[in-house]
Protein backbone atom coordinates (compact mmCIF):
# COMPACT_ATOMS: atom_id res chain seq x y z
CA MET A 1 59.22 26.92 38.19
CA PRO A 2 63.10 26.26 38.64
CA PRO A 3 63.63 27.75 35.17
CA LEU A 4 62.49 31.25 36.43
CA LEU A 5 65.14 33.74 36.47
CA THR A 6 63.25 37.21 37.04
CA LEU A 7 60.64 37.74 39.70
CA MET A 8 58.84 41.19 40.07
CA LEU A 9 56.89 41.34 43.14
CA ALA A 10 56.76 45.14 43.81
CA ARG A 11 53.72 46.35 45.47
CA ALA A 12 52.44 42.74 45.50
CA LEU A 13 52.95 41.78 49.04
CA THR A 14 51.33 42.37 52.35
CA GLY A 15 54.25 43.37 54.85
CA THR A 16 55.98 40.04 56.05
CA LEU A 17 58.28 37.57 55.04
CA ASP A 18 59.16 35.54 57.92
CA LEU A 19 58.48 32.52 56.79
CA GLU A 20 60.20 29.02 57.10
CA PRO A 21 61.33 27.92 54.66
CA SER A 22 61.64 30.70 52.38
CA PRO A 23 58.94 30.79 49.63
CA PHE A 24 61.99 31.51 47.22
CA GLN A 25 64.24 28.64 48.18
CA PRO A 26 62.85 26.39 45.00
CA LEU A 27 63.82 29.41 42.53
CA VAL A 28 67.57 28.11 42.55
CA ASN A 29 68.08 30.01 39.17
CA LEU A 30 66.45 33.38 40.05
CA SER A 31 68.77 36.03 38.99
CA VAL A 32 66.58 39.21 39.47
CA LEU A 33 64.29 39.54 42.66
CA ASP A 34 62.22 42.74 43.17
CA LEU A 35 60.37 43.10 46.31
CA SER A 36 60.26 46.87 46.46
CA ASN A 37 57.35 49.15 47.78
CA ASN A 38 55.81 46.32 50.02
CA ASN A 39 56.15 47.92 53.50
CA ILE A 40 57.99 44.58 54.47
CA ALA A 41 58.71 44.87 58.08
CA ASN A 42 59.69 41.25 59.13
CA ILE A 43 62.22 38.71 57.43
CA ASN A 44 64.57 36.14 58.57
CA SER A 45 68.17 35.34 57.82
CA GLY A 46 67.01 32.47 55.58
CA LEU A 47 65.16 34.65 53.13
CA LEU A 48 67.59 34.16 50.24
CA ASP A 49 69.08 30.81 51.14
CA GLY A 50 69.70 28.77 48.19
CA LEU A 51 69.55 31.52 45.71
CA HIS A 52 73.39 31.60 44.55
CA GLN A 53 72.42 32.79 40.98
CA LEU A 54 70.70 35.96 42.56
CA SER A 55 72.54 39.15 41.01
CA VAL A 56 70.21 41.75 41.55
CA LEU A 57 67.94 42.35 44.69
CA LYS A 58 65.74 45.40 45.00
CA MET A 59 64.25 46.05 48.45
CA GLN A 60 63.77 49.87 48.49
CA HIS A 61 60.72 51.54 50.07
CA ASN A 62 60.01 48.94 52.83
CA ASN A 63 60.21 48.96 56.42
CA LEU A 64 63.31 47.11 57.47
CA ALA A 65 64.55 49.35 60.11
CA ARG A 66 64.20 46.67 62.92
CA VAL A 67 66.39 44.07 60.83
CA TRP A 68 69.66 45.22 61.21
CA LYS A 69 69.46 46.34 64.74
CA ASN A 70 72.00 44.96 67.15
CA ALA A 71 69.11 45.60 69.96
CA ASN A 72 67.10 42.61 68.08
CA PRO A 73 66.63 39.81 70.43
CA GLY A 74 68.59 37.62 68.08
CA GLY A 75 70.83 40.10 66.93
CA PRO A 76 70.87 41.55 63.45
CA VAL A 77 69.13 39.50 60.56
CA LEU A 78 71.99 38.84 58.26
CA PHE A 79 69.77 37.85 55.19
CA LEU A 80 72.45 38.44 52.67
CA ARG A 81 74.63 35.81 53.93
CA ASP A 82 73.93 33.32 50.89
CA ALA A 83 73.68 35.88 48.44
CA ARG A 84 77.31 35.91 47.59
CA ASN A 85 76.82 36.53 43.64
CA LEU A 86 74.97 39.94 43.99
CA SER A 87 76.09 42.69 41.72
CA VAL A 88 73.14 45.10 42.51
CA LEU A 89 71.59 45.72 46.02
CA GLU A 90 68.93 48.56 46.41
CA LEU A 91 67.97 49.29 50.10
CA ASP A 92 66.87 52.82 49.74
CA TYR A 93 64.20 54.39 52.26
CA ASN A 94 63.63 51.49 54.67
CA GLY A 95 64.37 53.79 57.84
CA LEU A 96 67.69 52.07 58.34
CA ASP A 97 69.83 53.64 61.38
CA GLU A 98 72.56 50.99 61.40
CA VAL A 99 74.18 48.56 59.63
CA PRO A 100 76.20 45.57 61.07
CA LEU A 101 79.91 45.44 60.60
CA VAL A 102 79.43 42.01 58.68
CA ALA A 103 76.15 42.84 56.72
CA PHE A 104 78.05 42.89 53.16
CA ARG A 105 80.80 40.42 54.12
CA GLY A 106 81.47 38.19 51.38
CA LEU A 107 79.95 40.23 48.64
CA TRP A 108 83.02 40.47 46.53
CA ARG A 109 81.00 41.10 43.23
CA LEU A 110 78.77 43.63 44.47
CA ARG A 111 78.89 46.60 41.86
CA VAL A 112 75.99 48.78 42.83
CA LEU A 113 75.03 49.49 46.50
CA SER A 114 72.31 52.31 47.10
CA LEU A 115 71.28 53.07 50.74
CA GLY A 116 70.15 56.52 50.03
CA GLY A 117 67.00 57.89 51.87
CA ASN A 118 67.82 56.32 55.21
CA LEU A 119 68.88 57.57 58.50
CA LEU A 120 72.31 56.37 58.85
CA ASN A 121 74.61 58.66 60.96
CA PHE A 122 77.53 56.42 61.40
CA LEU A 123 79.02 53.62 59.47
CA ARG A 124 81.82 51.39 61.46
CA ASP A 125 85.29 50.96 60.24
CA SER A 126 86.14 48.46 57.69
CA ILE A 127 82.29 47.72 56.78
CA PHE A 128 82.84 48.14 53.35
CA ASP A 129 86.19 46.33 53.08
CA ASP A 130 84.93 43.17 50.97
CA LEU A 131 83.34 45.42 48.30
CA VAL A 132 86.43 45.34 46.09
CA SER A 133 84.06 45.32 42.99
CA LEU A 134 81.98 48.43 43.74
CA ARG A 135 81.42 51.03 40.98
CA TYR A 136 78.47 52.89 42.34
CA LEU A 137 77.62 54.03 45.81
CA TRP A 138 74.73 55.71 46.54
CA LEU A 139 74.40 57.04 50.08
CA GLN A 140 72.26 60.66 49.53
CA LYS A 141 69.86 61.85 51.95
CA ASN A 142 71.08 60.14 55.32
CA MET A 143 72.60 61.72 58.46
CA LEU A 144 76.02 61.12 57.77
CA THR A 145 78.44 63.68 59.52
CA SER A 146 82.17 62.22 58.51
CA VAL A 147 83.41 60.45 55.77
CA ARG A 148 86.63 58.63 56.86
CA ARG A 149 89.65 56.71 55.22
CA GLU A 150 89.05 53.90 57.52
CA THR A 151 85.25 53.50 56.37
CA PHE A 152 85.47 54.43 52.77
CA GLY A 153 88.96 53.94 51.85
CA VAL A 154 88.17 50.60 50.02
CA PRO A 155 84.96 51.22 47.84
CA LEU A 156 86.10 54.90 46.97
CA ALA A 157 89.27 53.60 45.60
CA GLY A 158 87.66 52.10 42.45
CA LEU A 159 84.41 54.14 42.24
CA ALA A 160 82.74 55.34 39.12
CA GLU A 161 79.93 57.21 40.74
CA LEU A 162 79.46 58.41 44.33
CA ARG A 163 76.22 59.96 45.42
CA MET A 164 76.40 61.32 49.27
CA GLU A 165 74.81 64.80 48.90
CA HIS A 166 72.15 66.28 51.36
CA ASN A 167 74.20 64.71 54.36
CA PRO A 168 74.83 66.92 57.41
CA PHE A 169 78.47 67.00 57.03
CA ASP A 170 80.81 68.06 59.77
CA CYS A 171 83.43 70.02 58.05
CA THR A 172 86.45 69.46 60.49
CA CYS A 173 89.87 68.07 60.11
CA ASP A 174 88.96 64.73 61.79
CA SER A 175 85.49 64.10 60.00
CA VAL A 176 86.21 65.16 56.17
CA LEU A 177 89.72 66.22 55.80
CA TRP A 178 90.54 62.80 53.63
CA PHE A 179 87.22 63.13 51.90
CA ALA A 180 87.69 66.72 50.84
CA GLU A 181 91.06 65.77 49.42
CA TRP A 182 89.51 62.82 47.73
CA LEU A 183 86.92 65.00 45.97
CA ASN A 184 89.15 67.49 44.80
CA ALA A 185 91.44 64.75 43.03
CA THR A 186 88.86 62.00 42.07
CA ASN A 187 87.96 61.30 38.33
CA ALA A 188 84.75 59.68 39.34
CA SER A 189 81.46 61.14 38.95
CA VAL A 190 79.99 63.21 41.63
CA PRO A 191 76.55 64.40 41.00
CA GLY A 192 75.79 67.78 42.83
CA ARG A 193 79.51 67.90 43.94
CA ALA A 194 79.19 72.00 44.00
CA THR A 195 75.72 72.39 45.71
CA GLY A 196 74.72 69.16 47.32
CA TYR A 197 77.73 68.57 49.77
CA VAL A 198 77.06 71.24 52.28
CA CYS A 199 78.69 71.52 55.73
CA ASN A 200 76.29 71.73 58.79
CA THR A 201 78.99 72.28 61.41
CA PRO A 202 81.25 73.84 62.73
CA PRO A 203 79.50 77.40 62.58
CA ALA A 204 82.21 78.70 60.64
CA TYR A 205 81.34 76.32 57.78
CA PHE A 206 77.51 76.41 58.32
CA ASN A 207 75.65 76.04 55.22
CA ARG A 208 78.90 76.42 53.25
CA SER A 209 80.11 73.78 50.25
CA MET A 210 82.49 71.50 51.36
CA LEU A 211 84.61 72.55 48.44
CA ASP A 212 85.12 75.81 50.64
CA PHE A 213 86.80 73.53 52.86
CA GLN A 214 90.42 74.16 53.08
CA PRO A 215 92.81 70.97 53.76
CA ASP A 216 95.66 73.00 53.99
CA SER A 217 94.32 74.43 57.46
CA CYS A 218 94.71 70.82 58.94
CA LYS A 219 98.42 70.47 58.02
CA ASP A 220 99.15 73.06 60.74
CA LEU A 221 97.42 70.98 63.33
CA ARG A 222 99.16 67.75 62.67
CA ALA A 223 102.12 68.94 64.79
CA PHE A 224 100.03 69.87 67.50
CA GLN A 225 98.03 66.89 67.47
CA ALA A 226 101.45 65.00 67.81
CA LEU A 227 102.40 67.27 70.53
CA PHE A 228 98.85 66.65 72.30
CA ALA A 229 99.24 63.00 71.98
CA LEU A 230 102.87 63.16 73.40
CA SER A 231 101.66 65.20 76.48
CA GLN A 232 98.66 63.08 77.04
CA SER A 233 100.97 60.00 77.16
CA LEU A 234 103.34 61.68 79.68
CA VAL A 235 100.39 62.95 81.96
CA LEU A 236 98.98 59.66 81.90
CA GLY A 237 102.21 57.96 82.67
CA LEU A 238 103.05 60.47 85.35
CA MET A 239 99.49 59.82 86.89
CA PHE A 240 99.89 56.00 86.82
CA LEU A 241 103.24 56.50 88.42
CA ALA A 242 101.96 58.59 90.97
CA PHE A 243 98.96 56.03 91.79
CA LEU A 244 101.58 53.26 91.71
CA MET A 245 104.02 55.14 94.23
CA HIS A 246 101.01 56.13 96.45
CA PHE A 247 99.52 52.67 96.89
CA GLN A 248 102.30 50.48 96.30
CA GLY A 249 105.37 52.80 96.73
CA TRP A 250 106.46 50.48 99.77
CA ARG A 251 106.86 47.46 97.57
CA VAL A 252 108.64 49.48 94.92
CA ARG A 253 111.33 50.76 97.39
CA PHE A 254 111.59 47.28 98.74
CA TYR A 255 112.67 45.53 95.58
CA TRP A 256 114.40 48.69 94.55
CA ASN A 257 116.74 48.17 97.83
CA ILE A 258 117.08 44.54 96.82
CA VAL A 259 118.23 45.16 93.39
CA THR A 260 120.64 47.98 94.32
CA ASN A 261 122.05 46.05 97.16
CA ARG A 262 122.90 43.13 95.11
CA VAL A 263 124.55 45.15 92.31
CA VAL A 264 126.55 47.78 94.24
CA GLY A 265 126.66 46.15 97.56
CA MET A 266 126.67 48.27 100.86
CA ARG A 267 128.94 50.90 99.17
CA ASP A 268 127.91 54.00 101.54
CA GLY A 269 131.31 53.35 103.35
CA GLY A 270 130.13 52.41 106.83
CA TYR A 271 129.20 48.95 107.30
CA ASN A 272 132.49 46.86 107.05
CA ASP A 273 134.64 44.97 109.19
CA LEU A 274 137.02 48.03 109.94
CA ALA A 275 133.69 49.57 111.30
CA ARG A 276 132.84 46.72 113.26
CA ASP A 277 136.21 46.69 115.02
CA ARG A 278 135.77 50.42 115.98
CA TYR A 279 132.30 50.09 117.44
CA GLU A 280 130.94 47.49 119.75
CA TYR A 281 127.41 47.86 119.02
CA ASP A 282 125.85 48.71 116.02
CA ALA A 283 123.24 50.66 117.56
CA TYR A 284 122.23 52.37 120.95
CA VAL A 285 118.62 52.09 121.35
CA VAL A 286 116.90 54.80 123.05
CA HIS A 287 113.06 54.29 123.91
CA ALA A 288 110.44 54.93 126.39
CA GLU A 289 109.33 52.13 128.88
CA GLU A 290 106.10 51.74 127.10
CA ASP A 291 107.82 50.72 123.93
CA LYS A 292 109.84 47.89 125.46
CA ARG A 293 107.43 45.30 124.26
CA TRP A 294 107.68 46.33 120.84
CA VAL A 295 111.73 46.68 120.91
CA GLU A 296 111.81 43.21 122.00
CA ARG A 297 109.19 41.71 119.43
CA SER A 298 110.35 43.64 116.41
CA LEU A 299 114.02 44.92 116.89
CA LEU A 300 115.76 42.25 118.77
CA PRO A 301 115.05 39.72 116.11
CA LEU A 302 117.66 41.49 113.80
CA GLU A 303 120.35 40.74 116.24
CA ASP A 304 120.00 37.29 114.47
CA GLU A 305 121.10 38.91 111.17
CA GLN A 306 124.44 40.06 112.78
CA PHE A 307 123.30 42.96 114.19
CA CYS A 308 124.15 44.09 117.75
CA PHE A 309 122.01 46.52 119.90
CA PHE A 310 122.76 48.16 123.24
CA LEU A 311 119.68 48.07 125.53
CA GLU A 312 120.12 49.94 128.83
CA ASP A 313 117.99 47.64 130.69
CA ARG A 314 119.81 44.51 129.50
CA ASP A 315 123.59 45.48 128.60
CA ALA A 316 124.19 48.16 131.40
CA VAL A 317 127.27 47.30 133.20
CA ALA A 318 126.41 46.71 136.81
CA GLY A 319 128.20 49.19 139.47
CA CYS A 320 128.40 52.08 136.79
CA SER A 321 126.26 54.89 137.27
CA ALA A 322 123.45 55.47 134.62
CA LEU A 323 125.08 58.73 133.08
CA ALA A 324 128.41 56.61 132.42
CA ASN A 325 126.59 53.88 130.97
CA ILE A 326 124.74 56.20 128.80
CA VAL A 327 127.92 58.10 127.68
CA ASP A 328 130.30 55.38 127.26
CA ASN A 329 127.98 53.14 125.24
CA MET A 330 126.88 55.73 122.85
CA ARG A 331 130.46 56.09 122.11
CA ARG A 332 130.79 52.42 121.37
CA SER A 333 127.89 52.36 119.21
CA ARG A 334 127.82 53.08 115.19
CA LYS A 335 124.39 54.43 115.41
CA ILE A 336 121.82 55.94 117.82
CA LEU A 337 118.31 54.66 117.07
CA PHE A 338 115.50 56.58 118.71
CA VAL A 339 112.15 54.75 118.71
CA VAL A 340 110.01 57.71 118.39
CA THR A 341 106.54 57.65 119.98
CA GLU A 342 104.24 60.30 122.06
CA ALA A 343 105.88 58.43 125.07
CA LEU A 344 109.33 58.80 124.23
CA LEU A 345 108.68 62.82 123.91
CA LYS A 346 107.05 62.98 127.23
CA ASP A 347 109.90 61.08 128.94
CA PRO A 348 111.92 63.43 130.79
CA TRP A 349 115.06 61.35 131.13
CA CYS A 350 115.11 60.73 127.23
CA ARG A 351 114.43 64.59 126.64
CA ARG A 352 116.82 66.11 128.90
CA PHE A 353 119.74 63.97 128.91
CA LYS A 354 119.86 61.14 126.20
CA ALA A 355 118.75 63.27 123.33
CA GLN A 356 121.04 66.15 124.01
CA HIS A 357 124.01 64.15 124.87
CA ALA A 358 123.41 62.10 121.50
CA LEU A 359 123.40 65.32 119.55
CA HIS A 360 126.39 66.79 121.35
CA GLN A 361 128.28 63.77 120.96
CA LEU A 362 127.76 63.54 117.34
CA MET A 363 128.75 67.04 116.84
CA ASP A 364 131.81 66.54 118.68
CA GLU A 365 133.05 63.38 116.59
CA SER A 366 131.27 64.86 113.16
CA ARG A 367 129.38 61.81 112.91
CA ASP A 368 125.99 61.47 111.05
CA ALA A 369 124.62 58.56 113.07
CA LEU A 370 121.05 58.96 114.05
CA VAL A 371 118.19 56.90 113.17
CA LEU A 372 114.67 57.65 113.81
CA VAL A 373 112.10 54.64 113.86
CA PHE A 374 108.52 56.25 114.08
CA LEU A 375 106.05 53.98 115.57
CA GLN A 376 103.45 56.79 115.46
CA ASP A 377 102.87 59.82 113.36
CA VAL A 378 104.71 62.61 115.27
CA PRO A 379 104.72 66.06 113.67
CA ASP A 380 108.02 67.80 113.01
CA HIS A 381 107.44 70.69 115.75
CA ARG A 382 106.60 68.20 118.40
CA LEU A 383 109.98 66.47 117.48
CA SER A 384 111.93 69.52 117.46
CA GLN A 385 110.44 70.58 120.84
CA ALA A 386 111.03 67.46 122.60
CA LEU A 387 114.42 66.06 121.06
CA LEU A 388 115.88 69.20 119.17
CA LEU A 389 115.59 67.23 116.07
CA ARG A 390 114.02 67.63 112.58
CA ARG A 391 113.51 65.16 109.90
CA ALA A 392 115.44 67.63 107.55
CA MET A 393 118.70 67.19 109.82
CA LEU A 394 118.76 63.66 108.76
CA LYS A 395 119.43 61.37 105.67
CA ARG A 396 116.33 60.10 104.09
CA ARG A 397 117.05 56.47 104.69
CA CYS A 398 117.68 57.24 108.29
CA LEU A 399 113.85 57.99 108.87
CA VAL A 400 111.98 54.85 109.05
CA HIS A 401 108.51 54.17 109.71
CA TRP A 402 106.66 51.13 111.26
CA PRO A 403 103.96 50.05 109.04
CA LEU A 404 100.17 49.35 109.75
CA GLN A 405 99.90 46.62 107.55
CA ARG A 406 101.40 42.94 108.33
CA GLU A 407 102.78 42.54 104.79
CA ARG A 408 104.88 45.62 104.86
CA VAL A 409 106.82 44.45 107.91
CA GLY A 410 109.58 42.58 105.78
CA ALA A 411 109.99 46.01 103.92
CA PHE A 412 110.45 47.75 107.08
CA ARG A 413 112.99 45.60 108.33
CA GLN A 414 115.03 45.91 105.27
CA GLU A 415 114.79 49.74 105.29
CA LEU A 416 115.97 49.54 109.11
CA GLN A 417 118.72 47.31 108.20
CA LEU A 418 119.78 49.86 105.37
CA ALA A 419 119.67 52.89 107.91
CA LEU A 420 121.78 51.04 110.21
CA ALA A 421 124.34 50.12 107.44
CA SER A 422 124.56 53.59 105.96
CA SER A 423 127.60 55.68 106.37
CA ASN A 424 128.36 57.88 109.27
CA ARG A 425 130.05 60.43 107.13
CA VAL A 426 128.81 64.00 107.24
CA ARG A 427 128.13 65.18 103.79
C-alpha cells in the first residue's frame, strides 16, 4: 500500500481515530486524505505522523470541538504538527470555538484554509503569521466580532479570496476600522461584500452593511485616544506616587535628606562655627518629668554627634534661681526644643512660664528657633491652648514626630538633626 496517493474515507468511519500508532502511518506517499462527514470526535496528536507528502486534508463535518480546547487534560491536540506540506486544509462545521495559538505553526505552504460554520468568536494575535502562502481564507458563519490587523495582517496581505460573511461584526473603531479600510482598498475577491458583511453592534450600525461604516469618524478619536492614554498614565503615576508617599514617605524623605545634605550641605545659614561660638548649647530641652526617660534614651545619644543640649535637672547652675537658669540658658541656646506630650501640656510650670518666656525671647531677638518633637499626636487646638503655639507658625522641618515603628528611628534622628541645624533667620 505505500504507493497509495489518495484515500477517500468520507462517511466511512465510526467516530474515533484515537489510535496508537496511527492507521495512516504506513502511507508515507499519501497526498490526499478525506475524512469528512464521519462524526469523528477523538483523535490524537500523532494522527498524521509520517505523512510528509500530505497536501490536502479534508475533515469538515466532524465533531472536533474538544480537540483544540485548552481545557483538555493534556492540552490542545496539535494533530497538524507533522503535516508541513499541507496546501489545503478544510475544517468546516466541527463546532470549533477556539484555536490554539500554535495550531497552524509551520504551515508555510498552506494555500487554502477553510474554517466556516464553526463557533469561533475570538482568534489570537499572530495565529496566522506562518501562513505566508495563503490565498483562500474562508471563515464565514462563525461568531467573529472583530477583524484586527494584529490577527489578520499576514494572511490578508496576499489573499485572492476572502469569505467572512455572516459574522456578527462589532462595527466600532477598535474592532473593524482596519478591516473596513482593507475592504475598500483590496483587489481580492470578497463574495457577498455588499450584503453579507452586516453589523450587529453598536446600535447605530445594527443590521447595516459594513460598507456603511465611516473610517473617517475614527480619525477624530485618535487624538482623544492619545490624550486618554496620557491622562491615564498621569493618573496611574499620581496614584503610585500617593501610595508610595503614604506607605514609604518616611523612607523617601530619609534618602532625600541624605542626598541634599551631601550635595548642598547645611546651607541654611545657621549651623556653622560662628553660630557655635555665639551659643553655648544647640538646644534648650523643655520636657515633662514623665518624659525624662525618653529624653535620656533617645535624645541624649545625639550629643555623641557633636550636639550639646541644656537639660534643667543636669546643667542648671547651683545657687541660681530656677527662673534665672531658664532665662539665661534659653538665651545661650540656638534652639528651644519642646518634647510635646499630653503630660507637657498639663504641666503648669511649662505652660505658664517656660513656653511663654521662650516665645517672648524669640520675638524680642527676631529668632525662628523653636523645634517641636511630638511623642504623641496632639491636636493643634490643644497645642494652642497650652503653649500658645500652632504648627503653622513653625517651619515644616522643625516639626518632628517620634515614629511607632523601630525601623524609622534612624530617619527620625536625621530629621531632628536637620531641624537643630536649620537657620534661625525669620523669613
